[in-house]
Amino acid sequence: MAPSMSACKRSEAKAEPVSKEDPVVHASVVQVTEQAMPEYLTLIGTLRANQESDIAADASGKVLATFVERGQAVRKGESLARLDSRAAVISVSATEAQSNQVKANLEQAQRECERVKHLLETSAISQAEYDRTTSQCSSTQWSLAAAEAQHENARKLLGDSNLRAPFDGVIGERYVSVGQYVKPETKVASIYAPDPLRLELTVPEAQAGMIQPDMKLTFSVTAFGDEKFSGTVRYVSPHIRESSRDLVVEAIVPNPGPKGKDGKPAGVGKLRPGMFATAKLLLSEHPVPAVPVSALKREGITARIFAVVDGRANERLVQVGEEKGGLIAVVSGINRGDGIVAEPGPDIRDGVRIQ
């Protein structure tokens, strides 16, 4: 009798090849340990000059010369611009002559007072006549004081015709040109000190209690990518702003630039006032699970780690914290003592056998 079809099928099934064993991937496995990792408060702020000033003319007159341009380093007392001082020179001469005349009148009045004093002692004049003469001496003294004050004011106006830098710094703007007429309130130039700078930060009300003077921070600015700069919190506002419900703090930031032969700043450093900054304020350090940075696989904002469980890779989504010394804190997703793949390559995937 011919064999049945079911028997043929059973024979074919027995002839099928057996499936191969799962592939084994060799990988370096490390154990998760707890390390002291930093905790930061991320803030945003703006760089400002530690010292800046808009220099006013403080006098009236036509601009005869300007000596500075935007970005130029200047020393304290250096001339920035000069005004027409001819009227001031005439005023100084006139007030000096008036002062000298009053001095001469005072000397004569003092001699007269000495003479009438002797006459009064000898009863040659009356007390009333003596009082009239001595009162003239007093009024002449006050006239001299007024004349000298007018002379000093005239000399000040003459000095104000030469506008000078109030401190070592860099010129931000020059607002006037030769031939322009200026008044005492006219802005002539702006100047700022380039080193150090201030980083003005706003702290939400909920975190205001964490802020103390002398706390350290690092920050970055868009112009220099991932480059880090440092500073120290120096000034903390005593109140919360009602309009924005935040606290204003200022950090002092070193910003060294080129130096002149005298050792004083001769230019600006990398950082400039007005730059927007993202800062990290160090709050504390405490032990948390930490893994090598190389153990992470990142895809945008998603981070994965491959734990090793019963000899197989177990893919886990993790929430990470700050980095320090080649390690990164893991807030959630793994625990202390877990084994993880130290450097997962393209052949590491969920469920693969690990040796």
C-alpha atoms as a PDB file:
ATOM      1  CA  MET A   1       0.000   0.000   0.000  1.00  0.00           C
ATOM      2  CA  ALA A   2       1.328   3.448  -0.888  1.00  0.00           C
ATOM      3  CA  PRO A   3       2.294   5.651   2.052  1.00  0.00           C
ATOM      4  CA  SER A   4      -0.238   8.310   3.044  1.00  0.00           C
ATOM      5  CA  MET A   5       0.279  12.053   2.512  1.00  0.00           C
ATOM      6  CA  SER A   6       0.398  12.669   6.283  1.00  0.00           C
ATOM      7  CA  ALA A   7       3.321  10.331   6.596  1.00  0.00           C
ATOM      8  CA  CYS A   8       5.190  12.242   3.882  1.00  0.00           C
ATOM      9  CA  LYS A   9       4.609  15.504   5.696  1.00  0.00           C
ATOM     10  CA  ARG A  10       5.901  14.033   8.950  1.00  0.00           C
ATOM     11  CA  SER A  11       9.045  12.914   7.174  1.00  0.00           C
ATOM     12  CA  GLU A  12       9.592  16.365   5.647  1.00  0.00           C
ATOM     13  CA  ALA A  13       9.116  18.039   9.040  1.00  0.00           C
ATOM     14  CA  LYS A  14      11.762  15.854  10.592  1.00  0.00           C
ATOM     15  CA  ALA A  15      14.165  16.840   7.807  1.00  0.00           C
ATOM     16  CA  GLU A  16      13.905  20.646   8.532  1.00  0.00           C
ATOM     17  CA  PRO A  17      17.185  22.167   9.944  1.00  0.00           C
ATOM     18  CA  VAL A  18      17.306  23.048  13.639  1.00  0.00           C
ATOM     19  CA  SER A  19      17.347  26.897  14.367  1.00  0.00           C
ATOM     20  CA  LYS A  20      20.747  28.264  15.298  1.00  0.00           C
ATOM     21  CA  GLU A  21      21.480  29.453  18.851  1.00  0.00           C
ATOM     22  CA  ASP A  22      21.082  33.218  19.570  1.00  0.00           C
ATOM     23  CA  PRO A  23      24.268  35.170  18.667  1.00  0.00           C
ATOM     24  CA  VAL A  24      26.489  36.274  21.518  1.00  0.00           C
ATOM     25  CA  VAL A  25      27.894  39.825  21.635  1.00  0.00           C
ATOM     26  CA  HIS A  26      31.076  40.541  23.540  1.00  0.00           C
ATOM     27  CA  ALA A  27      30.845  43.797  25.537  1.00  0.00           C
ATOM     28  CA  SER A  28      32.423  45.526  28.512  1.00  0.00           C
ATOM     29  CA  VAL A  29      30.066  45.512  31.476  1.00  0.00           C
ATOM     30  CA  VAL A  30      30.446  47.857  34.459  1.00  0.00           C
ATOM     31  CA  GLN A  31      28.551  48.136  37.690  1.00  0.00           C
ATOM     32  CA  VAL A  32      26.536  51.255  38.561  1.00  0.00           C
ATOM     33  CA  THR A  33      27.991  53.018  41.600  1.00  0.00           C
ATOM     34  CA  GLU A  34      26.975  56.078  43.568  1.00  0.00           C
ATOM     35  CA  GLN A  35      29.155  59.160  43.153  1.00  0.00           C
ATOM     36  CA  ALA A  36      28.988  62.690  44.539  1.00  0.00           C
ATOM     37  CA  MET A  37      27.485  64.592  41.596  1.00  0.00           C
ATOM     38  CA  PRO A  38      26.694  68.319  41.381  1.00  0.00           C
ATOM     39  CA  GLU A  39      23.199  69.764  41.508  1.00  0.00           C
ATOM     40  CA  TYR A  40      22.731  72.971  39.535  1.00  0.00           C
ATOM     41  CA  LEU A  41      20.069  75.636  39.221  1.00  0.00           C
ATOM     42  CA  THR A  42      19.806  76.770  35.592  1.00  0.00           C
ATOM     43  CA  LEU A  43      19.190  80.496  35.129  1.00  0.00           C
ATOM     44  CA  ILE A  44      19.219  83.024  32.317  1.00  0.00           C
ATOM     45  CA  GLY A  45      20.662  86.536  32.435  1.00  0.00           C
ATOM     46  CA  THR A  46      22.463  89.380  30.727  1.00  0.00           C
ATOM     47  CA  LEU A  47      26.041  90.592  30.961  1.00  0.00           C
ATOM     48  CA  ARG A  48      26.513  94.204  32.011  1.00  0.00           C
ATOM     49  CA  ALA A  49      29.498  96.430  32.638  1.00  0.00           C
ATOM     50  CA  ASN A  50      30.666  96.556  36.238  1.00  0.00           C
ATOM     51  CA  GLN A  51      31.175 100.316  35.828  1.00  0.00           C
ATOM     52  CA  GLU A  52      29.722 102.436  33.010  1.00  0.00           C
ATOM     53  CA  SER A  53      28.927 106.093  32.455  1.00  0.00           C
ATOM     54  CA  ASP A  54      27.473 108.491  29.911  1.00  0.00           C
ATOM     55  CA  ILE A  55      29.814 111.488  30.014  1.00  0.00           C
ATOM     56  CA  ALA A  56      27.994 114.827  29.804  1.00  0.00           C
ATOM     57  CA  ALA A  57      29.536 118.044  28.548  1.00  0.00           C
ATOM     58  CA  ASP A  58      28.910 119.909  31.851  1.00  0.00           C
ATOM     59  CA  ALA A  59      29.610 123.098  29.870  1.00  0.00           C
ATOM     60  CA  SER A  60      28.307 125.010  26.854  1.00  0.00           C
ATOM     61  CA  GLY A  61      30.233 125.610  23.663  1.00  0.00           C
ATOM     62  CA  LYS A  62      31.233 124.420  20.230  1.00  0.00           C
ATOM     63  CA  VAL A  63      33.176 121.153  19.901  1.00  0.00           C
ATOM     64  CA  LEU A  64      36.658 121.988  18.583  1.00  0.00           C
ATOM     65  CA  ALA A  65      38.146 118.466  18.603  1.00  0.00           C
ATOM     66  CA  THR A  66      37.344 114.837  19.486  1.00  0.00           C
ATOM     67  CA  PHE A  67      40.034 112.334  20.445  1.00  0.00           C
ATOM     68  CA  VAL A  68      38.270 108.969  20.792  1.00  0.00           C
ATOM     69  CA  GLU A  69      36.322 106.447  18.745  1.00  0.00           C
ATOM     70  CA  ARG A  70      34.078 103.482  19.539  1.00  0.00           C
ATOM     71  CA  GLY A  71      36.044 100.585  21.068  1.00  0.00           C
ATOM     72  CA  GLN A  72      39.096 102.675  21.999  1.00  0.00           C
ATOM     73  CA  ALA A  73      40.735 102.006  25.375  1.00  0.00           C
ATOM     74  CA  VAL A  74      41.285 105.135  27.486  1.00  0.00           C
ATOM     75  CA  ARG A  75      42.934 105.936  30.817  1.00  0.00           C
ATOM     76  CA  LYS A  76      41.429 107.903  33.680  1.00  0.00           C
ATOM     77  CA  GLY A  77      41.931 111.628  33.006  1.00  0.00           C
ATOM     78  CA  GLU A  78      42.584 111.150  29.286  1.00  0.00           C
ATOM     79  CA  SER A  79      41.032 113.839  27.075  1.00  0.00           C
ATOM     80  CA  LEU A  80      37.958 112.759  25.103  1.00  0.00           C
ATOM     81  CA  ALA A  81      36.925 116.047  23.477  1.00  0.00           C
ATOM     82  CA  ARG A  82      37.671 119.788  23.707  1.00  0.00           C
ATOM     83  CA  LEU A  83      35.185 122.667  23.595  1.00  0.00           C
ATOM     84  CA  ASP A  84      35.710 126.296  22.585  1.00  0.00           C
ATOM     85  CA  SER A  85      37.007 127.837  25.832  1.00  0.00           C
ATOM     86  CA  ARG A  86      37.532 131.459  24.832  1.00  0.00           C
ATOM     87  CA  ALA A  87      34.533 132.723  26.823  1.00  0.00           C
ATOM     88  CA  ALA A  88      35.690 130.702  29.844  1.00  0.00           C
ATOM     89  CA  VAL A  89      39.206 132.202  29.615  1.00  0.00           C
ATOM     90  CA  ILE A  90      37.744 135.739  29.572  1.00  0.00           C
ATOM     91  CA  SER A  91      35.539 134.898  32.570  1.00  0.00           C
ATOM     92  CA  VAL A  92      38.541 133.594  34.518  1.00  0.00           C
ATOM     93  CA  SER A  93      40.492 136.798  33.839  1.00  0.00           C
ATOM     94  CA  ALA A  94      37.558 139.024  34.840  1.00  0.00           C
ATOM     95  CA  THR A  95      36.826 137.192  38.097  1.00  0.00           C
ATOM     96  CA  GLU A  96      40.509 137.101  38.991  1.00  0.00           C
ATOM     97  CA  ALA A  97      40.742 140.888  38.559  1.00  0.00           C
ATOM     98  CA  GLN A  98      37.607 141.370  40.651  1.00  0.00           C
ATOM     99  CA  SER A  99      38.997 139.124  43.383  1.00  0.00           C
ATOM    100  CA  ASN A 100      42.272 141.053  43.463  1.00  0.00           C
ATOM    101  CA  GLN A 101      40.399 144.360  43.719  1.00  0.00           C
ATOM    102  CA  VAL A 102      38.337 143.126  46.684  1.00  0.00           C
ATOM    103  CA  LYS A 103      41.512 141.870  48.371  1.00  0.00           C
ATOM    104  CA  ALA A 104      43.009 145.340  48.093  1.00  0.00           C
ATOM    105  CA  ASN A 105      39.827 146.895  49.522  1.00  0.00           C
ATOM    106  CA  LEU A 106      39.929 144.444  52.412  1.00  0.00           C
ATOM    107  CA  GLU A 107      43.521 145.263  53.248  1.00  0.00           C
ATOM    108  CA  GLN A 108      42.660 148.977  53.320  1.00  0.00           C
ATOM    109  CA  ALA A 109      39.558 148.309  55.446  1.00  0.00           C
ATOM    110  CA  GLN A 110      41.589 146.260  57.936  1.00  0.00           C
ATOM    111  CA  ARG A 111      44.090 149.080  58.335  1.00  0.00           C
ATOM    112  CA  GLU A 112      41.231 151.489  58.918  1.00  0.00           C
ATOM    113  CA  CYS A 113      39.756 149.157  61.548  1.00  0.00           C
ATOM    114  CA  GLU A 114      43.081 149.070  63.416  1.00  0.00           C
ATOM    115  CA  ARG A 115      43.233 152.888  63.341  1.00  0.00           C
ATOM    116  CA  VAL A 116      39.714 153.426  64.714  1.00  0.00           C
ATOM    117  CA  LYS A 117      40.303 150.831  67.385  1.00  0.00           C
ATOM    118  CA  HIS A 118      43.185 152.912  68.712  1.00  0.00           C
ATOM    119  CA  LEU A 119      41.054 156.078  68.488  1.00  0.00           C
ATOM    120  CA  LEU A 120      38.256 154.402  70.435  1.00  0.00           C
ATOM    121  CA  GLU A 121      40.675 153.411  73.178  1.00  0.00           C
ATOM    122  CA  THR A 122      41.769 157.038  73.484  1.00  0.00           C
ATOM    123  CA  SER A 123      38.112 158.255  73.347  1.00  0.00           C
ATOM    124  CA  ALA A 124      38.856 160.194  70.141  1.00  0.00           C
ATOM    125  CA  ILE A 125      35.775 158.714  68.395  1.00  0.00           C
ATOM    126  CA  SER A 126      32.408 157.492  69.532  1.00  0.00           C
ATOM    127  CA  GLN A 127      31.343 153.851  69.795  1.00  0.00           C
ATOM    128  CA  ALA A 128      28.839 154.345  66.966  1.00  0.00           C
ATOM    129  CA  GLU A 129      31.528 155.602  64.581  1.00  0.00           C
ATOM    130  CA  TYR A 130      33.749 152.670  65.543  1.00  0.00           C
ATOM    131  CA  ASP A 131      30.914 150.177  64.872  1.00  0.00           C
ATOM    132  CA  ARG A 132      30.256 151.640  61.401  1.00  0.00           C
ATOM    133  CA  THR A 133      33.913 151.249  60.435  1.00  0.00           C
ATOM    134  CA  THR A 134      34.295 147.699  61.721  1.00  0.00           C
ATOM    135  CA  SER A 135      31.067 146.579  59.988  1.00  0.00           C
ATOM    136  CA  GLN A 136      32.635 147.741  56.731  1.00  0.00           C
ATOM    137  CA  CYS A 137      35.581 145.419  57.416  1.00  0.00           C
ATOM    138  CA  SER A 138      33.202 142.466  57.858  1.00  0.00           C
ATOM    139  CA  SER A 139      31.221 143.215  54.683  1.00  0.00           C
ATOM    140  CA  THR A 140      34.476 143.512  52.694  1.00  0.00           C
ATOM    141  CA  GLN A 141      35.520 140.060  53.926  1.00  0.00           C
ATOM    142  CA  TRP A 142      32.236 138.569  52.687  1.00  0.00           C
ATOM    143  CA  SER A 143      32.684 140.360  49.341  1.00  0.00           C
ATOM    144  CA  LEU A 144      36.095 138.731  49.007  1.00  0.00           C
ATOM    145  CA  ALA A 145      34.629 135.288  49.701  1.00  0.00           C
ATOM    146  CA  ALA A 146      31.992 135.845  46.981  1.00  0.00           C
ATOM    147  CA  ALA A 147      34.602 137.080  44.495  1.00  0.00           C
ATOM    148  CA  GLU A 148      36.845 134.070  45.118  1.00  0.00           C
ATOM    149  CA  ALA A 149      33.875 131.704  44.681  1.00  0.00           C
ATOM    150  CA  GLN A 150      33.064 133.300  41.331  1.00  0.00           C
ATOM    151  CA  HIS A 151      36.693 132.927  40.311  1.00  0.00           C
ATOM    152  CA  GLU A 152      36.717 129.229  41.249  1.00  0.00           C
ATOM    153  CA  ASN A 153      33.509 128.687  39.281  1.00  0.00           C
ATOM    154  CA  ALA A 154      35.039 130.372  36.239  1.00  0.00           C
ATOM    155  CA  ARG A 155      38.119 128.141  36.532  1.00  0.00           C
ATOM    156  CA  LYS A 156      35.855 125.065  36.752  1.00  0.00           C
ATOM    157  CA  LEU A 157      34.038 126.079  33.573  1.00  0.00           C
ATOM    158  CA  LEU A 158      37.393 126.465  31.874  1.00  0.00           C
ATOM    159  CA  GLY A 159      38.417 122.998  33.017  1.00  0.00           C
ATOM    160  CA  ASP A 160      35.085 121.560  31.848  1.00  0.00           C
ATOM    161  CA  SER A 161      35.887 122.622  28.306  1.00  0.00           C
ATOM    162  CA  ASN A 162      38.347 119.714  28.200  1.00  0.00           C
ATOM    163  CA  LEU A 163      36.253 116.558  28.709  1.00  0.00           C
ATOM    164  CA  ARG A 164      38.161 113.699  30.356  1.00  0.00           C
ATOM    165  CA  ALA A 165      37.594 110.007  31.107  1.00  0.00           C
ATOM    166  CA  PRO A 166      36.387 109.438  34.706  1.00  0.00           C
ATOM    167  CA  PHE A 167      38.010 105.969  34.926  1.00  0.00           C
ATOM    168  CA  ASP A 168      40.038 103.453  32.936  1.00  0.00           C
ATOM    169  CA  GLY A 169      37.784 101.845  30.341  1.00  0.00           C
ATOM    170  CA  VAL A 170      36.668 101.435  26.751  1.00  0.00           C
ATOM    171  CA  ILE A 171      34.622 103.894  24.710  1.00  0.00           C
ATOM    172  CA  GLY A 172      31.203 102.481  23.843  1.00  0.00           C
ATOM    173  CA  GLU A 173      29.866 105.413  21.771  1.00  0.00           C
ATOM    174  CA  ARG A 174      30.965 108.901  20.725  1.00  0.00           C
ATOM    175  CA  TYR A 175      27.890 111.106  20.388  1.00  0.00           C
ATOM    176  CA  VAL A 176      29.327 114.444  19.193  1.00  0.00           C
ATOM    177  CA  SER A 177      31.383 115.687  16.247  1.00  0.00           C
ATOM    178  CA  VAL A 178      33.553 118.715  15.545  1.00  0.00           C
ATOM    179  CA  GLY A 179      31.480 121.886  15.063  1.00  0.00           C
ATOM    180  CA  GLN A 180      28.516 120.666  17.116  1.00  0.00           C
ATOM    181  CA  TYR A 181      27.246 122.998  19.852  1.00  0.00           C
ATOM    182  CA  VAL A 182      26.740 121.258  23.188  1.00  0.00           C
ATOM    183  CA  LYS A 183      25.065 122.171  26.476  1.00  0.00           C
ATOM    184  CA  PRO A 184      25.831 120.937  30.018  1.00  0.00           C
ATOM    185  CA  GLU A 185      23.353 118.038  29.690  1.00  0.00           C
ATOM    186  CA  THR A 186      24.572 116.908  26.242  1.00  0.00           C
ATOM    187  CA  LYS A 187      26.013 113.366  26.146  1.00  0.00           C
ATOM    188  CA  VAL A 188      29.483 113.410  24.631  1.00  0.00           C
ATOM    189  CA  ALA A 189      30.569 109.759  24.949  1.00  0.00           C
ATOM    190  CA  SER A 190      29.840 106.558  26.851  1.00  0.00           C
ATOM    191  CA  ILE A 191      32.549 104.582  28.622  1.00  0.00           C
ATOM    192  CA  TYR A 192      32.536 101.236  30.404  1.00  0.00           C
ATOM    193  CA  ALA A 193      35.046  99.146  32.339  1.00  0.00           C
ATOM    194  CA  PRO A 194      35.527  95.827  30.453  1.00  0.00           C
ATOM    195  CA  ASP A 195      36.978  93.753  33.303  1.00  0.00           C
ATOM    196  CA  PRO A 196      35.309  92.480  35.362  1.00  0.00           C
ATOM    197  CA  LEU A 197      31.730  92.335  34.092  1.00  0.00           C
ATOM    198  CA  ARG A 198      28.478  91.716  35.964  1.00  0.00           C
ATOM    199  CA  LEU A 199      26.105  88.889  35.087  1.00  0.00           C
ATOM    200  CA  GLU A 200      22.580  89.931  36.054  1.00  0.00           C
ATOM    201  CA  LEU A 201      20.360  86.884  36.694  1.00  0.00           C
ATOM    202  CA  THR A 202      16.688  86.461  37.570  1.00  0.00           C
ATOM    203  CA  VAL A 203      15.812  83.714  40.062  1.00  0.00           C
ATOM    204  CA  PRO A 204      12.201  82.459  40.300  1.00  0.00           C
ATOM    205  CA  GLU A 205      10.591  83.111  43.668  1.00  0.00           C
ATOM    206  CA  ALA A 206      10.411  79.368  44.425  1.00  0.00           C
ATOM    207  CA  GLN A 207      14.217  79.073  44.295  1.00  0.00           C
ATOM    208  CA  ALA A 208      15.046  82.429  45.915  1.00  0.00           C
ATOM    209  CA  GLY A 209      15.862  80.805  49.251  1.00  0.00           C
ATOM    210  CA  MET A 210      18.691  78.792  47.677  1.00  0.00           C
ATOM    211  CA  ILE A 211      20.730  81.848  46.691  1.00  0.00           C
ATOM    212  CA  GLN A 212      23.597  83.083  48.845  1.00  0.00           C
ATOM    213  CA  PRO A 213      26.553  85.429  48.169  1.00  0.00           C
ATOM    214  CA  ASP A 214      29.844  83.790  47.097  1.00  0.00           C
ATOM    215  CA  MET A 215      28.117  80.891  45.299  1.00  0.00           C
ATOM    216  CA  LYS A 216      29.986  79.719  42.189  1.00  0.00           C
ATOM    217  CA  LEU A 217      28.456  79.500  38.734  1.00  0.00           C
ATOM    218  CA  THR A 218      29.377  78.667  35.159  1.00  0.00           C
ATOM    219  CA  PHE A 219      27.707  80.057  32.057  1.00  0.00           C
ATOM    220  CA  SER A 220      27.828  80.069  28.282  1.00  0.00           C
ATOM    221  CA  VAL A 221      26.939  82.625  25.612  1.00  0.00           C
ATOM    222  CA  THR A 222      25.754  82.016  22.064  1.00  0.00           C
ATOM    223  CA  ALA A 223      28.796  83.680  20.483  1.00  0.00           C
ATOM    224  CA  PHE A 224      31.203  81.050  21.880  1.00  0.00           C
ATOM    225  CA  GLY A 225      29.114  77.884  21.682  1.00  0.00           C
ATOM    226  CA  ASP A 226      29.880  75.364  24.429  1.00  0.00           C
ATOM    227  CA  GLU A 227      32.788  77.327  25.930  1.00  0.00           C
ATOM    228  CA  LYS A 228      32.277  77.787  29.657  1.00  0.00           C
ATOM    229  CA  PHE A 229      32.917  80.940  31.667  1.00  0.00           C
ATOM    230  CA  SER A 230      32.845  81.285  35.443  1.00  0.00           C
ATOM    231  CA  GLY A 231      31.750  83.831  38.035  1.00  0.00           C
ATOM    232  CA  THR A 232      30.836  84.346  41.683  1.00  0.00           C
ATOM    233  CA  VAL A 233      27.550  85.641  43.079  1.00  0.00           C
ATOM    234  CA  ARG A 234      28.300  88.959  44.763  1.00  0.00           C
ATOM    235  CA  TYR A 235      25.083  91.001  45.026  1.00  0.00           C
ATOM    236  CA  VAL A 236      21.628  89.681  45.997  1.00  0.00           C
ATOM    237  CA  SER A 237      18.553  91.899  45.880  1.00  0.00           C
ATOM    238  CA  PRO A 238      16.798  92.242  49.258  1.00  0.00           C
ATOM    239  CA  HIS A 239      13.301  91.907  47.754  1.00  0.00           C
ATOM    240  CA  ILE A 240      11.215  89.943  45.234  1.00  0.00           C
ATOM    241  CA  ARG A 241       9.947  91.986  42.284  1.00  0.00           C
ATOM    242  CA  GLU A 242       6.149  92.016  42.434  1.00  0.00           C
ATOM    243  CA  SER A 243       5.671  92.437  38.680  1.00  0.00           C
ATOM    244  CA  SER A 244       7.646  89.311  37.701  1.00  0.00           C
ATOM    245  CA  ARG A 245       7.835  87.383  40.999  1.00  0.00           C
ATOM    246  CA  ASP A 246      11.576  86.882  40.794  1.00  0.00           C
ATOM    247  CA  LEU A 247      14.785  87.840  42.566  1.00  0.00           C
ATOM    248  CA  VAL A 248      17.604  89.750  40.869  1.00  0.00           C
ATOM    249  CA  VAL A 249      21.157  88.650  41.660  1.00  0.00           C
ATOM    250  CA  GLU A 250      24.458  89.748  40.147  1.00  0.00           C
ATOM    251  CA  ALA A 251      27.634  87.734  39.732  1.00  0.00           C
ATOM    252  CA  ILE A 252      31.097  89.188  39.136  1.00  0.00           C
ATOM    253  CA  VAL A 253      32.677  87.690  36.006  1.00  0.00           C
ATOM    254  CA  PRO A 254      36.392  87.971  35.124  1.00  0.00           C
ATOM    255  CA  ASN A 255      36.883  89.175  31.556  1.00  0.00           C
ATOM    256  CA  PRO A 256      40.615  89.753  31.038  1.00  0.00           C
ATOM    257  CA  GLY A 257      41.700  91.430  27.828  1.00  0.00           C
ATOM    258  CA  PRO A 258      44.995  92.602  26.347  1.00  0.00           C
ATOM    259  CA  LYS A 259      47.197  94.705  28.619  1.00  0.00           C
ATOM    260  CA  GLY A 260      49.234  97.783  27.805  1.00  0.00           C
ATOM    261  CA  LYS A 261      52.877  98.341  28.739  1.00  0.00           C
ATOM    262  CA  ASP A 262      51.744  99.859  32.040  1.00  0.00           C
ATOM    263  CA  GLY A 263      49.825  96.697  32.898  1.00  0.00           C
ATOM    264  CA  LYS A 264      46.429  98.365  32.561  1.00  0.00           C
ATOM    265  CA  PRO A 265      43.666  97.135  30.183  1.00  0.00           C
ATOM    266  CA  ALA A 266      44.302  98.061  26.562  1.00  0.00           C
ATOM    267  CA  GLY A 267      41.212  96.409  25.073  1.00  0.00           C
ATOM    268  CA  VAL A 268      38.262  94.149  25.776  1.00  0.00           C
ATOM    269  CA  GLY A 269      38.079  90.444  26.559  1.00  0.00           C
ATOM    270  CA  LYS A 270      35.875  87.862  24.886  1.00  0.00           C
ATOM    271  CA  LEU A 271      32.725  88.803  26.738  1.00  0.00           C
ATOM    272  CA  ARG A 272      30.768  91.969  25.940  1.00  0.00           C
ATOM    273  CA  PRO A 273      28.060  93.835  27.877  1.00  0.00           C
ATOM    274  CA  GLY A 274      24.606  92.997  26.546  1.00  0.00           C
ATOM    275  CA  MET A 275      25.341  89.319  25.795  1.00  0.00           C
ATOM    276  CA  PHE A 276      22.608  86.832  26.744  1.00  0.00           C
ATOM    277  CA  ALA A 277      23.882  84.072  29.034  1.00  0.00           C
ATOM    278  CA  THR A 278      22.666  80.689  30.268  1.00  0.00           C
ATOM    279  CA  ALA A 279      24.115  80.018  33.705  1.00  0.00           C
ATOM    280  CA  LYS A 280      24.332  77.027  36.029  1.00  0.00           C
ATOM    281  CA  LEU A 281      24.529  77.859  39.708  1.00  0.00           C
ATOM    282  CA  LEU A 282      26.131  75.144  41.855  1.00  0.00           C
ATOM    283  CA  LEU A 283      23.772  74.367  44.745  1.00  0.00           C
ATOM    284  CA  SER A 284      25.308  71.223  46.272  1.00  0.00           C
ATOM    285  CA  GLU A 285      26.849  67.804  45.608  1.00  0.00           C
ATOM    286  CA  HIS A 286      25.300  64.541  46.821  1.00  0.00           C
ATOM    287  CA  PRO A 287      25.693  60.822  46.027  1.00  0.00           C
ATOM    288  CA  VAL A 288      23.516  59.522  43.165  1.00  0.00           C
ATOM    289  CA  PRO A 289      23.794  56.598  40.702  1.00  0.00           C
ATOM    290  CA  ALA A 290      26.332  57.542  38.035  1.00  0.00           C
ATOM    291  CA  VAL A 291      27.513  55.848  34.828  1.00  0.00           C
ATOM    292  CA  PRO A 292      30.187  56.601  32.210  1.00  0.00           C
ATOM    293  CA  VAL A 293      29.008  59.100  29.610  1.00  0.00           C
ATOM    294  CA  SER A 294      29.957  56.523  26.953  1.00  0.00           C
ATOM    295  CA  ALA A 295      27.237  54.166  28.289  1.00  0.00           C
ATOM    296  CA  LEU A 296      24.464  56.455  27.008  1.00  0.00           C
ATOM    297  CA  LYS A 297      22.819  56.247  23.623  1.00  0.00           C
ATOM    298  CA  ARG A 298      21.189  59.584  22.829  1.00  0.00           C
ATOM    299  CA  GLU A 299      18.537  60.367  20.260  1.00  0.00           C
ATOM    300  CA  GLY A 300      17.569  64.019  20.609  1.00  0.00           C
ATOM    301  CA  ILE A 301      16.344  64.461  24.183  1.00  0.00           C
ATOM    302  CA  THR A 302      15.946  60.686  24.706  1.00  0.00           C
ATOM    303  CA  ALA A 303      18.675  58.764  26.545  1.00  0.00           C
ATOM    304  CA  ARG A 304      18.991  54.954  26.716  1.00  0.00           C
ATOM    305  CA  ILE A 305      21.177  52.565  28.693  1.00  0.00           C
ATOM    306  CA  PHE A 306      21.571  48.832  28.201  1.00  0.00           C
ATOM    307  CA  ALA A 307      21.449  46.990  31.516  1.00  0.00           C
ATOM    308  CA  VAL A 308      22.582  43.356  31.655  1.00  0.00           C
ATOM    309  CA  VAL A 309      19.924  41.067  33.186  1.00  0.00           C
ATOM    310  CA  ASP A 310      20.371  37.266  33.171  1.00  0.00           C
ATOM    311  CA  GLY A 311      23.046  37.567  30.534  1.00  0.00           C
ATOM    312  CA  ARG A 312      20.956  39.589  28.094  1.00  0.00           C
ATOM    313  CA  ALA A 313      20.804  43.285  27.189  1.00  0.00           C
ATOM    314  CA  ASN A 314      17.842  45.070  28.693  1.00  0.00           C
ATOM    315  CA  GLU A 315      17.187  48.463  27.044  1.00  0.00           C
ATOM    316  CA  ARG A 316      16.051  51.171  29.463  1.00  0.00           C
ATOM    317  CA  LEU A 317      14.982  54.768  29.052  1.00  0.00           C
ATOM    318  CA  VAL A 318      16.728  56.891  31.675  1.00  0.00           C
ATOM    319  CA  GLN A 319      16.537  60.432  32.961  1.00  0.00           C
ATOM    320  CA  VAL A 320      20.015  61.920  33.353  1.00  0.00           C
ATOM    321  CA  GLY A 321      21.421  64.792  35.388  1.00  0.00           C
ATOM    322  CA  GLU A 322      24.757  66.594  35.423  1.00  0.00           C
ATOM    323  CA  GLU A 323      28.174  65.456  34.190  1.00  0.00           C
ATOM    324  CA  LYS A 324      31.414  65.397  36.154  1.00  0.00           C
ATOM    325  CA  GLY A 325      34.763  63.763  35.425  1.00  0.00           C
ATOM    326  CA  GLY A 326      33.501  61.564  32.574  1.00  0.00           C
ATOM    327  CA  LEU A 327      30.474  60.380  34.601  1.00  0.00           C
ATOM    328  CA  ILE A 328      26.860  61.407  34.323  1.00  0.00           C
ATOM    329  CA  ALA A 329      24.213  61.249  37.038  1.00  0.00           C
ATOM    330  CA  VAL A 330      21.141  59.064  36.357  1.00  0.00           C
ATOM    331  CA  VAL A 331      18.028  60.325  38.087  1.00  0.00           C
ATOM    332  CA  SER A 332      15.791  57.406  37.168  1.00  0.00           C
ATOM    333  CA  GLY A 333      15.897  54.174  35.159  1.00  0.00           C
ATOM    334  CA  ILE A 334      18.718  52.266  36.911  1.00  0.00           C
ATOM    335  CA  ASN A 335      19.842  51.523  40.442  1.00  0.00           C
ATOM    336  CA  ARG A 336      23.082  51.176  42.294  1.00  0.00           C
ATOM    337  CA  GLY A 337      24.665  47.768  41.658  1.00  0.00           C
ATOM    338  CA  ASP A 338      23.069  47.204  38.220  1.00  0.00           C
ATOM    339  CA  GLY A 339      25.383  45.961  35.497  1.00  0.00           C
ATOM    340  CA  ILE A 340      25.377  48.028  32.302  1.00  0.00           C
ATOM    341  CA  VAL A 341      27.122  47.943  28.945  1.00  0.00           C
ATOM    342  CA  ALA A 342      29.934  50.498  29.170  1.00  0.00           C
ATOM    343  CA  GLU A 343      30.165  51.288  25.439  1.00  0.00           C
ATOM    344  CA  PRO A 344      27.172  49.967  23.506  1.00  0.00           C
ATOM    345  CA  GLY A 345      27.955  49.539  19.812  1.00  0.00           C
ATOM    346  CA  PRO A 346      25.561  49.103  16.857  1.00  0.00           C
ATOM    347  CA  ASP A 347      25.244  45.345  17.544  1.00  0.00           C
ATOM    348  CA  ILE A 348      23.897  45.922  21.071  1.00  0.00           C
ATOM    349  CA  ARG A 349      20.096  45.773  21.104  1.00  0.00           C
ATOM    350  CA  ASP A 350      17.359  44.784  23.483  1.00  0.00           C
ATOM    351  CA  GLY A 351      17.398  41.059  24.281  1.00  0.00           C
ATOM    352  CA  VAL A 352      20.787  40.202  22.731  1.00  0.00           C
ATOM    353  CA  ARG A 353      23.009  37.802  24.711  1.00  0.00           C
ATOM    354  CA  ILE A 354      25.976  39.540  26.361  1.00  0.00           C
ATOM    355  CA  GLN A 355      29.305  37.915  27.197  1.00  0.00           C
END
